[in-house]
Amino acid sequence: MALQAGTGKTFVSGEAGRIELIVDAPRTVAGGIAVVAHPHPLQGGTATHKVPHVLAKALAARGYVTVRPSFRGVGETEGEHDTGDGETADTVGVVHYLRQEYPGLPLVLAGFSFGAYVVARTVEVLRGQGLSCQHLILAGMPWGTIPGHRSYETPAVPPTTLVVHGENDERVTLGAVLDWARPQDLPVVVVPGANHFFTGKLGALERVVGGYLDHLPEPATGS
């Protein structure tokens, strides 16, 4: 998947057919790989949403080849929405694809809203396959019953995960995320005044994510 620096597009095969990938290539030699998952397809979520875009931008700027898969039924991805099960399977497949294309490079997984839920589940599946992924970024992550929507049983994640949440998130209350994080002794970074979509607070989100990435081990030295 040789791409010029900047944003491009490619396709891989998944269980339900073709998966569209938006690829953000770094300006330098690739030092890591990353997957960024987007919000709920049935609520208008796409890979070009502003929050996944900010996450991908921060990763690509630090040398990660970053892909934003379109979930089933979104963009040019085939298949139909599968409430997280098929989306998790597809994301696992995308991770394996990237690892084949860029063997030996460290991996970061990131997701926003429904995408964060999918990423947490993806890590759980990968762990069962013997692949450890210690570096996650979860923004606006759902847990428990979401008013007007479904209930999310988001699994526990590695202690090195970055969890970012808006103080005034109207879809997933801060209290719900703290209830999920508390048994794991997992810190939660709160963006003051931010709603679910970090409206007007994307700069703060990017700074938090950038700070996390800047303190990871150097990409070229291992995962």
N, C-alpha and C. Protein backbone atom coordinates (compact mmCIF):
# COMPACT_ATOMS: atom_id res chain seq x y z
N MET A 1 0.85 -1.19 0.00
CA MET A 1 0.00 0.00 0.00
C MET A 1 0.89 1.24 0.00
N ALA A 2 1.63 1.44 -1.07
CA ALA A 2 2.52 2.58 -1.17
C ALA A 2 1.73 3.83 -1.56
N LEU A 3 1.69 4.81 -0.66
CA LEU A 3 0.93 6.03 -0.92
C LEU A 3 1.81 7.25 -0.73
N GLN A 4 1.49 8.31 -1.46
CA GLN A 4 2.15 9.57 -1.24
C GLN A 4 1.69 10.14 0.10
N ALA A 5 2.50 11.03 0.67
CA ALA A 5 2.09 11.70 1.90
C ALA A 5 0.77 12.42 1.68
N GLY A 6 -0.11 12.33 2.66
CA GLY A 6 -1.43 12.94 2.52
C GLY A 6 -2.51 11.88 2.65
N THR A 7 -3.69 12.19 2.15
CA THR A 7 -4.84 11.29 2.30
C THR A 7 -5.18 10.63 0.98
N GLY A 8 -5.39 9.31 1.04
CA GLY A 8 -5.79 8.54 -0.13
C GLY A 8 -6.83 7.51 0.25
N LYS A 9 -7.06 6.56 -0.62
CA LYS A 9 -8.09 5.56 -0.37
C LYS A 9 -7.63 4.22 -0.95
N THR A 10 -7.97 3.16 -0.26
CA THR A 10 -7.72 1.82 -0.77
C THR A 10 -8.83 0.90 -0.27
N PHE A 11 -8.80 -0.36 -0.68
CA PHE A 11 -9.84 -1.31 -0.32
C PHE A 11 -9.21 -2.63 0.09
N VAL A 12 -9.86 -3.28 1.07
CA VAL A 12 -9.46 -4.63 1.46
C VAL A 12 -10.72 -5.49 1.52
N SER A 13 -10.54 -6.79 1.54
CA SER A 13 -11.68 -7.71 1.60
C SER A 13 -12.03 -8.03 3.05
N GLY A 14 -13.33 -8.04 3.34
CA GLY A 14 -13.81 -8.39 4.66
C GLY A 14 -14.83 -9.52 4.58
N GLU A 15 -15.37 -9.92 5.71
CA GLU A 15 -16.33 -11.01 5.76
C GLU A 15 -17.60 -10.71 4.98
N ALA A 16 -17.98 -9.43 4.90
CA ALA A 16 -19.21 -9.04 4.20
C ALA A 16 -18.93 -8.41 2.85
N GLY A 17 -17.68 -8.47 2.39
CA GLY A 17 -17.33 -7.86 1.11
C GLY A 17 -16.24 -6.82 1.26
N ARG A 18 -16.21 -5.90 0.34
CA ARG A 18 -15.16 -4.88 0.28
C ARG A 18 -15.27 -3.89 1.43
N ILE A 19 -14.10 -3.53 1.99
CA ILE A 19 -14.01 -2.51 3.04
C ILE A 19 -13.23 -1.33 2.49
N GLU A 20 -13.83 -0.16 2.55
CA GLU A 20 -13.16 1.07 2.13
C GLU A 20 -12.28 1.59 3.26
N LEU A 21 -11.04 1.95 2.93
CA LEU A 21 -10.12 2.53 3.90
C LEU A 21 -9.67 3.91 3.43
N ILE A 22 -9.87 4.90 4.27
CA ILE A 22 -9.25 6.20 4.04
C ILE A 22 -7.88 6.15 4.70
N VAL A 23 -6.85 6.44 3.95
CA VAL A 23 -5.48 6.28 4.42
C VAL A 23 -4.80 7.64 4.55
N ASP A 24 -4.29 7.91 5.73
CA ASP A 24 -3.51 9.13 5.97
C ASP A 24 -2.05 8.71 6.10
N ALA A 25 -1.26 9.03 5.10
CA ALA A 25 0.15 8.65 5.08
C ALA A 25 1.01 9.77 5.64
N PRO A 26 1.98 9.43 6.48
CA PRO A 26 2.85 10.47 7.05
C PRO A 26 3.82 11.02 6.02
N ARG A 27 4.39 12.17 6.31
CA ARG A 27 5.37 12.80 5.42
C ARG A 27 6.74 12.15 5.56
N THR A 28 6.92 11.41 6.64
CA THR A 28 8.19 10.73 6.88
C THR A 28 8.04 9.24 6.61
N VAL A 29 9.13 8.50 6.74
CA VAL A 29 9.06 7.04 6.63
C VAL A 29 8.17 6.51 7.74
N ALA A 30 7.29 5.58 7.41
CA ALA A 30 6.34 5.06 8.39
C ALA A 30 7.06 4.48 9.59
N GLY A 31 6.66 4.95 10.78
CA GLY A 31 7.24 4.43 12.01
C GLY A 31 6.24 3.65 12.84
N GLY A 32 4.97 3.64 12.41
CA GLY A 32 3.94 2.93 13.14
C GLY A 32 2.70 2.81 12.28
N ILE A 33 1.74 2.02 12.74
CA ILE A 33 0.48 1.85 12.04
C ILE A 33 -0.66 2.14 13.01
N ALA A 34 -1.77 2.63 12.49
CA ALA A 34 -2.91 2.99 13.35
C ALA A 34 -4.22 2.78 12.61
N VAL A 35 -5.25 2.43 13.36
CA VAL A 35 -6.61 2.30 12.84
C VAL A 35 -7.50 3.22 13.66
N VAL A 36 -8.33 4.02 12.98
CA VAL A 36 -9.24 4.95 13.65
C VAL A 36 -10.66 4.60 13.24
N ALA A 37 -11.51 4.32 14.23
CA ALA A 37 -12.88 3.87 13.97
C ALA A 37 -13.88 5.01 14.19
N HIS A 38 -14.89 5.07 13.32
CA HIS A 38 -15.82 6.21 13.30
C HIS A 38 -17.10 5.96 14.09
N PRO A 39 -17.92 7.02 14.30
CA PRO A 39 -19.15 6.89 15.08
C PRO A 39 -20.24 6.10 14.37
N HIS A 40 -21.37 5.96 15.04
CA HIS A 40 -22.44 5.04 14.65
C HIS A 40 -22.99 5.32 13.25
N PRO A 41 -22.95 4.31 12.36
CA PRO A 41 -23.44 4.50 10.99
C PRO A 41 -24.92 4.87 10.91
N LEU A 42 -25.73 4.34 11.81
CA LEU A 42 -27.17 4.61 11.75
C LEU A 42 -27.52 5.99 12.28
N GLN A 43 -26.52 6.70 12.79
CA GLN A 43 -26.73 8.07 13.26
C GLN A 43 -25.88 9.05 12.45
N GLY A 44 -25.53 8.62 11.23
CA GLY A 44 -24.81 9.50 10.34
C GLY A 44 -23.30 9.45 10.47
N GLY A 45 -22.79 8.53 11.25
CA GLY A 45 -21.35 8.46 11.45
C GLY A 45 -20.61 7.93 10.23
N THR A 46 -19.51 8.60 9.87
CA THR A 46 -18.68 8.19 8.75
C THR A 46 -17.21 8.35 9.11
N ALA A 47 -16.35 7.80 8.25
CA ALA A 47 -14.91 7.90 8.49
C ALA A 47 -14.39 9.32 8.29
N THR A 48 -15.18 10.17 7.64
CA THR A 48 -14.76 11.56 7.44
C THR A 48 -15.28 12.50 8.53
N HIS A 49 -15.94 11.95 9.54
CA HIS A 49 -16.44 12.76 10.65
C HIS A 49 -15.27 13.54 11.27
N LYS A 50 -15.58 14.70 11.83
CA LYS A 50 -14.53 15.60 12.32
C LYS A 50 -13.67 15.00 13.43
N VAL A 51 -14.25 14.19 14.30
CA VAL A 51 -13.45 13.65 15.40
C VAL A 51 -12.48 12.57 14.90
N PRO A 52 -12.92 11.56 14.13
CA PRO A 52 -11.94 10.64 13.56
C PRO A 52 -10.87 11.35 12.72
N HIS A 53 -11.28 12.42 12.04
CA HIS A 53 -10.32 13.17 11.24
C HIS A 53 -9.23 13.77 12.13
N VAL A 54 -9.62 14.33 13.27
CA VAL A 54 -8.65 14.91 14.19
C VAL A 54 -7.72 13.83 14.74
N LEU A 55 -8.28 12.67 15.09
CA LEU A 55 -7.46 11.57 15.61
C LEU A 55 -6.45 11.12 14.56
N ALA A 56 -6.92 10.96 13.32
CA ALA A 56 -6.03 10.51 12.25
C ALA A 56 -4.94 11.54 11.97
N LYS A 57 -5.31 12.81 12.01
CA LYS A 57 -4.35 13.89 11.77
C LYS A 57 -3.23 13.85 12.80
N ALA A 58 -3.58 13.65 14.07
CA ALA A 58 -2.58 13.61 15.13
C ALA A 58 -1.64 12.42 14.95
N LEU A 59 -2.19 11.29 14.54
CA LEU A 59 -1.38 10.08 14.36
C LEU A 59 -0.45 10.22 13.15
N ALA A 60 -0.99 10.65 12.01
CA ALA A 60 -0.17 10.78 10.81
C ALA A 60 0.96 11.79 11.00
N ALA A 61 0.68 12.84 11.77
CA ALA A 61 1.71 13.86 12.02
C ALA A 61 2.88 13.30 12.81
N ARG A 62 2.66 12.16 13.47
CA ARG A 62 3.72 11.56 14.29
C ARG A 62 4.27 10.28 13.66
N GLY A 63 4.06 10.12 12.36
CA GLY A 63 4.72 9.04 11.64
C GLY A 63 3.95 7.76 11.50
N TYR A 64 2.66 7.77 11.89
CA TYR A 64 1.85 6.56 11.77
C TYR A 64 1.09 6.53 10.43
N VAL A 65 1.20 5.41 9.72
CA VAL A 65 0.29 5.18 8.60
C VAL A 65 -1.07 4.88 9.21
N THR A 66 -2.03 5.74 8.96
CA THR A 66 -3.31 5.70 9.67
C THR A 66 -4.44 5.40 8.70
N VAL A 67 -5.25 4.39 9.03
CA VAL A 67 -6.39 4.07 8.18
C VAL A 67 -7.68 4.27 8.96
N ARG A 68 -8.68 4.81 8.25
CA ARG A 68 -10.01 5.00 8.81
C ARG A 68 -10.97 4.12 8.00
N PRO A 69 -11.30 2.93 8.49
CA PRO A 69 -12.22 2.07 7.75
C PRO A 69 -13.64 2.63 7.79
N SER A 70 -14.34 2.51 6.68
CA SER A 70 -15.78 2.79 6.68
C SER A 70 -16.49 1.51 7.11
N PHE A 71 -17.35 1.63 8.11
CA PHE A 71 -18.08 0.45 8.58
C PHE A 71 -19.06 -0.04 7.51
N ARG A 72 -19.60 -1.19 7.74
CA ARG A 72 -20.50 -1.83 6.78
C ARG A 72 -21.67 -0.92 6.41
N GLY A 73 -21.88 -0.77 5.10
CA GLY A 73 -22.97 0.06 4.61
C GLY A 73 -22.65 1.54 4.55
N VAL A 74 -21.41 1.91 4.88
CA VAL A 74 -21.00 3.32 4.86
C VAL A 74 -19.99 3.53 3.73
N GLY A 75 -20.11 4.65 3.02
CA GLY A 75 -19.19 4.93 1.93
C GLY A 75 -19.24 3.83 0.89
N GLU A 76 -18.09 3.30 0.54
CA GLU A 76 -18.02 2.24 -0.46
C GLU A 76 -17.80 0.87 0.16
N THR A 77 -18.03 0.77 1.48
CA THR A 77 -17.92 -0.53 2.15
C THR A 77 -19.21 -1.31 1.96
N GLU A 78 -19.07 -2.57 1.63
CA GLU A 78 -20.24 -3.43 1.39
C GLU A 78 -20.76 -4.00 2.71
N GLY A 79 -21.97 -4.57 2.65
CA GLY A 79 -22.58 -5.17 3.83
C GLY A 79 -23.55 -4.23 4.51
N GLU A 80 -24.13 -4.71 5.60
CA GLU A 80 -25.10 -3.95 6.38
C GLU A 80 -24.64 -3.84 7.83
N HIS A 81 -25.11 -2.78 8.50
CA HIS A 81 -24.76 -2.56 9.91
C HIS A 81 -25.04 -3.82 10.73
N ASP A 82 -24.08 -4.16 11.62
CA ASP A 82 -24.17 -5.41 12.37
C ASP A 82 -24.03 -5.20 13.87
N THR A 83 -24.47 -4.06 14.36
CA THR A 83 -24.55 -3.75 15.80
C THR A 83 -23.22 -3.92 16.55
N GLY A 84 -22.12 -3.90 15.83
CA GLY A 84 -20.82 -3.98 16.47
C GLY A 84 -20.09 -5.29 16.26
N ASP A 85 -20.82 -6.37 16.02
CA ASP A 85 -20.18 -7.68 15.85
C ASP A 85 -19.38 -7.73 14.54
N GLY A 86 -20.05 -7.47 13.43
CA GLY A 86 -19.37 -7.49 12.14
C GLY A 86 -18.33 -6.39 12.04
N GLU A 87 -18.63 -5.23 12.65
CA GLU A 87 -17.69 -4.12 12.61
C GLU A 87 -16.40 -4.47 13.35
N THR A 88 -16.54 -5.19 14.46
CA THR A 88 -15.35 -5.65 15.19
C THR A 88 -14.55 -6.63 14.36
N ALA A 89 -15.23 -7.58 13.73
CA ALA A 89 -14.54 -8.56 12.89
C ALA A 89 -13.80 -7.87 11.75
N ASP A 90 -14.44 -6.87 11.15
CA ASP A 90 -13.80 -6.15 10.05
C ASP A 90 -12.58 -5.38 10.53
N THR A 91 -12.68 -4.77 11.71
CA THR A 91 -11.56 -3.99 12.24
C THR A 91 -10.39 -4.90 12.58
N VAL A 92 -10.69 -6.07 13.12
CA VAL A 92 -9.63 -7.06 13.36
C VAL A 92 -8.93 -7.41 12.05
N GLY A 93 -9.72 -7.61 11.00
CA GLY A 93 -9.15 -7.92 9.70
C GLY A 93 -8.28 -6.81 9.16
N VAL A 94 -8.69 -5.56 9.37
CA VAL A 94 -7.89 -4.42 8.92
C VAL A 94 -6.57 -4.36 9.68
N VAL A 95 -6.59 -4.65 10.97
CA VAL A 95 -5.35 -4.68 11.76
C VAL A 95 -4.38 -5.71 11.19
N HIS A 96 -4.88 -6.89 10.90
CA HIS A 96 -4.01 -7.94 10.35
C HIS A 96 -3.47 -7.54 8.99
N TYR A 97 -4.29 -6.88 8.19
CA TYR A 97 -3.85 -6.40 6.88
C TYR A 97 -2.69 -5.42 7.03
N LEU A 98 -2.84 -4.45 7.94
CA LEU A 98 -1.79 -3.46 8.15
C LEU A 98 -0.51 -4.11 8.67
N ARG A 99 -0.65 -5.08 9.54
CA ARG A 99 0.53 -5.75 10.08
C ARG A 99 1.28 -6.53 9.00
N GLN A 100 0.54 -7.04 8.02
CA GLN A 100 1.19 -7.71 6.91
C GLN A 100 1.89 -6.71 6.00
N GLU A 101 1.26 -5.56 5.78
CA GLU A 101 1.84 -4.54 4.92
C GLU A 101 3.04 -3.86 5.56
N TYR A 102 2.99 -3.72 6.89
CA TYR A 102 4.05 -3.02 7.61
C TYR A 102 4.50 -3.87 8.80
N PRO A 103 5.16 -4.98 8.53
CA PRO A 103 5.54 -5.91 9.61
C PRO A 103 6.49 -5.27 10.61
N GLY A 104 6.25 -5.58 11.87
CA GLY A 104 7.15 -5.15 12.93
C GLY A 104 6.92 -3.76 13.48
N LEU A 105 6.00 -3.00 12.87
CA LEU A 105 5.76 -1.64 13.36
C LEU A 105 4.74 -1.63 14.50
N PRO A 106 4.89 -0.72 15.45
CA PRO A 106 3.95 -0.63 16.57
C PRO A 106 2.57 -0.20 16.10
N LEU A 107 1.58 -0.58 16.88
CA LEU A 107 0.18 -0.38 16.53
C LEU A 107 -0.53 0.48 17.56
N VAL A 108 -1.31 1.44 17.06
CA VAL A 108 -2.20 2.24 17.90
C VAL A 108 -3.61 2.11 17.34
N LEU A 109 -4.59 1.88 18.20
CA LEU A 109 -5.99 1.83 17.80
C LEU A 109 -6.73 2.99 18.45
N ALA A 110 -7.57 3.66 17.68
CA ALA A 110 -8.32 4.80 18.20
C ALA A 110 -9.76 4.73 17.70
N GLY A 111 -10.67 5.27 18.49
CA GLY A 111 -12.06 5.29 18.06
C GLY A 111 -12.85 6.36 18.77
N PHE A 112 -13.91 6.80 18.11
CA PHE A 112 -14.79 7.80 18.69
C PHE A 112 -16.20 7.24 18.77
N SER A 113 -16.84 7.40 19.93
CA SER A 113 -18.23 6.99 20.14
C SER A 113 -18.40 5.50 19.85
N PHE A 114 -19.31 5.12 18.96
CA PHE A 114 -19.48 3.71 18.60
C PHE A 114 -18.15 3.11 18.15
N GLY A 115 -17.34 3.90 17.49
CA GLY A 115 -16.04 3.43 17.05
C GLY A 115 -15.12 3.07 18.21
N ALA A 116 -15.23 3.81 19.32
CA ALA A 116 -14.44 3.48 20.50
C ALA A 116 -14.87 2.14 21.08
N TYR A 117 -16.18 1.90 21.08
CA TYR A 117 -16.72 0.61 21.53
C TYR A 117 -16.16 -0.52 20.66
N VAL A 118 -16.16 -0.32 19.35
CA VAL A 118 -15.64 -1.33 18.43
C VAL A 118 -14.15 -1.57 18.67
N VAL A 119 -13.40 -0.50 18.90
CA VAL A 119 -11.97 -0.63 19.14
C VAL A 119 -11.70 -1.41 20.42
N ALA A 120 -12.44 -1.13 21.48
CA ALA A 120 -12.26 -1.87 22.73
C ALA A 120 -12.53 -3.36 22.52
N ARG A 121 -13.56 -3.67 21.75
CA ARG A 121 -13.86 -5.07 21.45
C ARG A 121 -12.79 -5.68 20.55
N THR A 122 -12.28 -4.89 19.63
CA THR A 122 -11.23 -5.37 18.74
C THR A 122 -10.00 -5.82 19.53
N VAL A 123 -9.61 -5.02 20.51
CA VAL A 123 -8.45 -5.35 21.34
C VAL A 123 -8.68 -6.66 22.09
N GLU A 124 -9.90 -6.86 22.55
CA GLU A 124 -10.24 -8.09 23.25
C GLU A 124 -10.09 -9.30 22.33
N VAL A 125 -10.55 -9.17 21.08
CA VAL A 125 -10.42 -10.27 20.11
C VAL A 125 -8.95 -10.51 19.78
N LEU A 126 -8.21 -9.44 19.54
CA LEU A 126 -6.79 -9.58 19.22
C LEU A 126 -6.03 -10.25 20.36
N ARG A 127 -6.38 -9.90 21.58
CA ARG A 127 -5.73 -10.53 22.73
C ARG A 127 -5.96 -12.03 22.71
N GLY A 128 -7.17 -12.44 22.38
CA GLY A 128 -7.47 -13.87 22.29
C GLY A 128 -6.71 -14.56 21.17
N GLN A 129 -6.26 -13.79 20.20
CA GLN A 129 -5.47 -14.33 19.09
C GLN A 129 -3.97 -14.25 19.37
N GLY A 130 -3.62 -13.78 20.56
CA GLY A 130 -2.22 -13.70 20.93
C GLY A 130 -1.51 -12.43 20.51
N LEU A 131 -2.29 -11.43 20.09
CA LEU A 131 -1.70 -10.15 19.68
C LEU A 131 -2.03 -9.08 20.71
N SER A 132 -1.01 -8.53 21.34
CA SER A 132 -1.22 -7.50 22.34
C SER A 132 -1.23 -6.12 21.69
N CYS A 133 -2.20 -5.31 22.06
CA CYS A 133 -2.23 -3.91 21.64
C CYS A 133 -2.42 -3.06 22.89
N GLN A 134 -1.36 -2.40 23.30
CA GLN A 134 -1.36 -1.68 24.57
C GLN A 134 -1.76 -0.22 24.43
N HIS A 135 -1.79 0.30 23.20
CA HIS A 135 -1.99 1.74 23.03
C HIS A 135 -3.30 2.02 22.31
N LEU A 136 -4.28 2.49 23.09
CA LEU A 136 -5.61 2.78 22.59
C LEU A 136 -5.96 4.22 22.91
N ILE A 137 -6.79 4.79 22.05
CA ILE A 137 -7.34 6.13 22.29
C ILE A 137 -8.86 6.01 22.12
N LEU A 138 -9.59 6.23 23.20
CA LEU A 138 -11.05 6.10 23.20
C LEU A 138 -11.67 7.45 23.55
N ALA A 139 -12.39 8.04 22.60
CA ALA A 139 -13.03 9.34 22.82
C ALA A 139 -14.54 9.19 22.75
N GLY A 140 -15.26 9.78 23.72
CA GLY A 140 -16.72 9.70 23.73
C GLY A 140 -17.22 8.27 23.76
N MET A 141 -16.52 7.41 24.47
CA MET A 141 -16.83 5.98 24.47
C MET A 141 -18.13 5.65 25.21
N PRO A 142 -19.01 4.86 24.60
CA PRO A 142 -20.26 4.51 25.26
C PRO A 142 -20.10 3.34 26.23
N TRP A 143 -20.87 3.38 27.28
CA TRP A 143 -20.95 2.25 28.21
C TRP A 143 -22.30 2.31 28.90
N GLY A 144 -22.89 1.14 29.11
CA GLY A 144 -24.20 1.08 29.75
C GLY A 144 -25.31 1.42 28.77
N THR A 145 -26.46 1.76 29.31
CA THR A 145 -27.62 2.06 28.47
C THR A 145 -27.59 3.52 28.04
N ILE A 146 -27.62 3.73 26.73
CA ILE A 146 -27.61 5.08 26.17
C ILE A 146 -29.05 5.47 25.87
N PRO A 147 -29.57 6.57 26.43
CA PRO A 147 -30.97 6.96 26.21
C PRO A 147 -31.32 7.00 24.73
N GLY A 148 -32.40 6.29 24.37
CA GLY A 148 -32.86 6.27 22.99
C GLY A 148 -32.09 5.34 22.09
N HIS A 149 -31.07 4.68 22.64
CA HIS A 149 -30.24 3.81 21.82
C HIS A 149 -30.09 2.45 22.51
N ARG A 150 -29.05 1.73 22.22
CA ARG A 150 -28.85 0.41 22.77
C ARG A 150 -27.99 0.45 24.03
N SER A 151 -27.79 -0.73 24.60
CA SER A 151 -26.93 -0.85 25.77
C SER A 151 -25.57 -1.38 25.31
N TYR A 152 -24.52 -0.79 25.85
CA TYR A 152 -23.16 -1.17 25.46
C TYR A 152 -22.44 -1.84 26.63
N GLU A 153 -21.94 -3.02 26.38
CA GLU A 153 -21.12 -3.72 27.36
C GLU A 153 -19.67 -3.64 26.89
N THR A 154 -19.09 -2.49 27.06
CA THR A 154 -17.73 -2.25 26.61
C THR A 154 -16.76 -3.00 27.52
N PRO A 155 -15.87 -3.82 26.95
CA PRO A 155 -14.95 -4.59 27.78
C PRO A 155 -13.87 -3.73 28.42
N ALA A 156 -13.20 -4.29 29.41
CA ALA A 156 -12.06 -3.62 30.01
C ALA A 156 -10.94 -3.50 28.99
N VAL A 157 -10.07 -2.53 29.19
CA VAL A 157 -8.99 -2.25 28.24
C VAL A 157 -7.65 -2.20 28.98
N PRO A 158 -6.53 -2.22 28.25
CA PRO A 158 -5.22 -2.13 28.90
C PRO A 158 -5.07 -0.86 29.72
N PRO A 159 -4.26 -0.90 30.78
CA PRO A 159 -4.11 0.27 31.65
C PRO A 159 -3.39 1.44 30.98
N THR A 160 -2.79 1.21 29.82
CA THR A 160 -2.10 2.27 29.08
C THR A 160 -3.03 2.99 28.11
N THR A 161 -4.32 2.70 28.16
CA THR A 161 -5.31 3.33 27.28
C THR A 161 -5.55 4.79 27.66
N LEU A 162 -5.70 5.63 26.64
CA LEU A 162 -6.13 7.01 26.86
C LEU A 162 -7.64 7.09 26.66
N VAL A 163 -8.35 7.52 27.68
CA VAL A 163 -9.80 7.72 27.61
C VAL A 163 -10.06 9.22 27.73
N VAL A 164 -10.71 9.80 26.73
CA VAL A 164 -11.02 11.23 26.72
C VAL A 164 -12.53 11.40 26.63
N HIS A 165 -13.09 12.25 27.47
CA HIS A 165 -14.54 12.42 27.49
C HIS A 165 -14.90 13.88 27.71
N GLY A 166 -16.00 14.29 27.11
CA GLY A 166 -16.48 15.65 27.31
C GLY A 166 -17.22 15.79 28.62
N GLU A 167 -16.98 16.88 29.31
CA GLU A 167 -17.64 17.13 30.60
C GLU A 167 -19.16 17.12 30.45
N ASN A 168 -19.65 17.69 29.35
CA ASN A 168 -21.09 17.84 29.15
C ASN A 168 -21.62 16.91 28.07
N ASP A 169 -21.00 15.74 27.93
CA ASP A 169 -21.46 14.77 26.94
C ASP A 169 -22.93 14.46 27.19
N GLU A 170 -23.76 14.77 26.19
CA GLU A 170 -25.20 14.60 26.33
C GLU A 170 -25.68 13.22 25.92
N ARG A 171 -24.81 12.41 25.34
CA ARG A 171 -25.18 11.06 24.90
C ARG A 171 -24.66 9.99 25.86
N VAL A 172 -23.45 10.16 26.29
CA VAL A 172 -22.85 9.24 27.26
C VAL A 172 -22.40 10.09 28.45
N THR A 173 -23.07 9.97 29.57
CA THR A 173 -22.73 10.83 30.70
C THR A 173 -21.33 10.53 31.20
N LEU A 174 -20.69 11.55 31.71
CA LEU A 174 -19.36 11.37 32.29
C LEU A 174 -19.42 10.36 33.43
N GLY A 175 -20.50 10.39 34.20
CA GLY A 175 -20.65 9.44 35.30
C GLY A 175 -20.64 8.00 34.83
N ALA A 176 -21.25 7.74 33.68
CA ALA A 176 -21.28 6.37 33.15
C ALA A 176 -19.88 5.89 32.80
N VAL A 177 -19.09 6.77 32.17
CA VAL A 177 -17.73 6.39 31.81
C VAL A 177 -16.87 6.18 33.05
N LEU A 178 -17.07 7.01 34.06
CA LEU A 178 -16.33 6.82 35.31
C LEU A 178 -16.71 5.51 35.98
N ASP A 179 -17.98 5.13 35.91
CA ASP A 179 -18.41 3.84 36.46
C ASP A 179 -17.70 2.68 35.76
N TRP A 180 -17.50 2.82 34.44
CA TRP A 180 -16.79 1.79 33.68
C TRP A 180 -15.30 1.78 34.02
N ALA A 181 -14.72 2.96 34.17
CA ALA A 181 -13.28 3.07 34.40
C ALA A 181 -12.87 2.72 35.83
N ARG A 182 -13.77 2.96 36.78
CA ARG A 182 -13.42 2.83 38.20
C ARG A 182 -12.89 1.45 38.58
N PRO A 183 -13.56 0.35 38.19
CA PRO A 183 -13.03 -0.97 38.57
C PRO A 183 -11.68 -1.28 37.94
N GLN A 184 -11.32 -0.55 36.87
CA GLN A 184 -10.05 -0.78 36.20
C GLN A 184 -8.94 0.14 36.72
N ASP A 185 -9.28 1.05 37.64
CA ASP A 185 -8.33 2.09 38.08
C ASP A 185 -7.77 2.83 36.87
N LEU A 186 -8.65 3.11 35.91
CA LEU A 186 -8.25 3.72 34.65
C LEU A 186 -8.56 5.20 34.66
N PRO A 187 -7.56 6.07 34.51
CA PRO A 187 -7.84 7.51 34.48
C PRO A 187 -8.69 7.90 33.27
N VAL A 188 -9.48 8.95 33.44
CA VAL A 188 -10.27 9.52 32.36
C VAL A 188 -9.91 11.00 32.24
N VAL A 189 -9.51 11.41 31.04
CA VAL A 189 -9.19 12.82 30.80
C VAL A 189 -10.48 13.53 30.40
N VAL A 190 -10.86 14.55 31.15
CA VAL A 190 -12.12 15.27 30.91
C VAL A 190 -11.81 16.61 30.24
N VAL A 191 -12.48 16.86 29.11
CA VAL A 191 -12.35 18.15 28.43
C VAL A 191 -13.47 19.05 28.95
N PRO A 192 -13.15 20.08 29.71
CA PRO A 192 -14.18 20.94 30.31
C PRO A 192 -15.06 21.59 29.24
N GLY A 193 -16.37 21.54 29.49
CA GLY A 193 -17.32 22.19 28.61
C GLY A 193 -17.61 21.48 27.30
N ALA A 194 -16.97 20.35 27.06
CA ALA A 194 -17.14 19.67 25.77
C ALA A 194 -18.40 18.80 25.77
N ASN A 195 -19.08 18.79 24.62
CA ASN A 195 -20.21 17.89 24.46
C ASN A 195 -19.72 16.60 23.81
N HIS A 196 -20.65 15.74 23.39
CA HIS A 196 -20.26 14.44 22.85
C HIS A 196 -19.35 14.57 21.63
N PHE A 197 -19.63 15.58 20.81
CA PHE A 197 -18.89 15.73 19.56
C PHE A 197 -17.70 16.71 19.68
N PHE A 198 -17.40 17.12 20.91
CA PHE A 198 -16.29 18.03 21.16
C PHE A 198 -16.41 19.31 20.33
N THR A 199 -17.66 19.76 20.17
CA THR A 199 -17.91 20.98 19.39
C THR A 199 -17.19 22.18 20.01
N GLY A 200 -16.38 22.83 19.21
CA GLY A 200 -15.61 23.96 19.71
C GLY A 200 -14.43 23.57 20.59
N LYS A 201 -14.23 22.27 20.78
CA LYS A 201 -13.17 21.79 21.67
C LYS A 201 -12.22 20.82 20.96
N LEU A 202 -12.27 20.81 19.63
CA LEU A 202 -11.42 19.87 18.89
C LEU A 202 -9.94 20.16 19.10
N GLY A 203 -9.61 21.43 19.28
CA GLY A 203 -8.22 21.77 19.54
C GLY A 203 -7.73 21.16 20.85
N ALA A 204 -8.59 21.20 21.87
CA ALA A 204 -8.23 20.60 23.16
C ALA A 204 -8.10 19.09 23.02
N LEU A 205 -9.01 18.48 22.28
CA LEU A 205 -8.93 17.03 22.05
C LEU A 205 -7.62 16.68 21.36
N GLU A 206 -7.27 17.44 20.33
CA GLU A 206 -6.04 17.15 19.59
C GLU A 206 -4.81 17.30 20.49
N ARG A 207 -4.82 18.27 21.38
CA ARG A 207 -3.68 18.46 22.29
C ARG A 207 -3.55 17.27 23.25
N VAL A 208 -4.68 16.81 23.77
CA VAL A 208 -4.65 15.67 24.69
C VAL A 208 -4.12 14.43 23.97
N VAL A 209 -4.65 14.18 22.78
CA VAL A 209 -4.22 13.00 22.02
C VAL A 209 -2.75 13.13 21.63
N GLY A 210 -2.34 14.31 21.19
CA GLY A 210 -0.95 14.52 20.83
C GLY A 210 0.00 14.30 21.99
N GLY A 211 -0.40 14.77 23.17
CA GLY A 211 0.42 14.57 24.35
C GLY A 211 0.58 13.10 24.69
N TYR A 212 -0.48 12.35 24.54
CA TYR A 212 -0.43 10.90 24.78
C TYR A 212 0.53 10.23 23.80
N LEU A 213 0.38 10.56 22.51
CA LEU A 213 1.22 9.94 21.48
C LEU A 213 2.68 10.33 21.66
N ASP A 214 2.94 11.56 22.07
CA ASP A 214 4.31 12.03 22.23
C ASP A 214 5.04 11.31 23.36
N HIS A 215 4.29 10.67 24.25
CA HIS A 215 4.92 9.97 25.36
C HIS A 215 4.94 8.46 25.17
N LEU A 216 4.54 8.00 23.99
CA LEU A 216 4.67 6.57 23.69
C LEU A 216 6.12 6.26 23.35
N PRO A 217 6.51 4.99 23.44
CA PRO A 217 7.86 4.64 23.00
C PRO A 217 8.06 5.05 21.54
N GLU A 218 9.27 5.40 21.19
CA GLU A 218 9.57 5.79 19.81
C GLU A 218 9.10 4.69 18.87
N PRO A 219 8.29 5.03 17.84
CA PRO A 219 7.74 4.01 16.95
C PRO A 219 8.76 3.03 16.41
N ALA A 220 9.94 3.47 16.08
CA ALA A 220 10.92 2.59 15.46
C ALA A 220 11.53 1.59 16.44
N THR A 221 11.27 1.76 17.75
CA THR A 221 11.92 0.90 18.74
C THR A 221 11.06 -0.27 19.17
N GLY A 222 9.81 -0.34 18.73
CA GLY A 222 8.99 -1.47 19.10
C GLY A 222 7.63 -1.05 19.55
N SER A 223 6.76 -2.04 19.85
CA SER A 223 5.36 -1.78 20.22
C SER A 223 5.18 -1.74 21.71
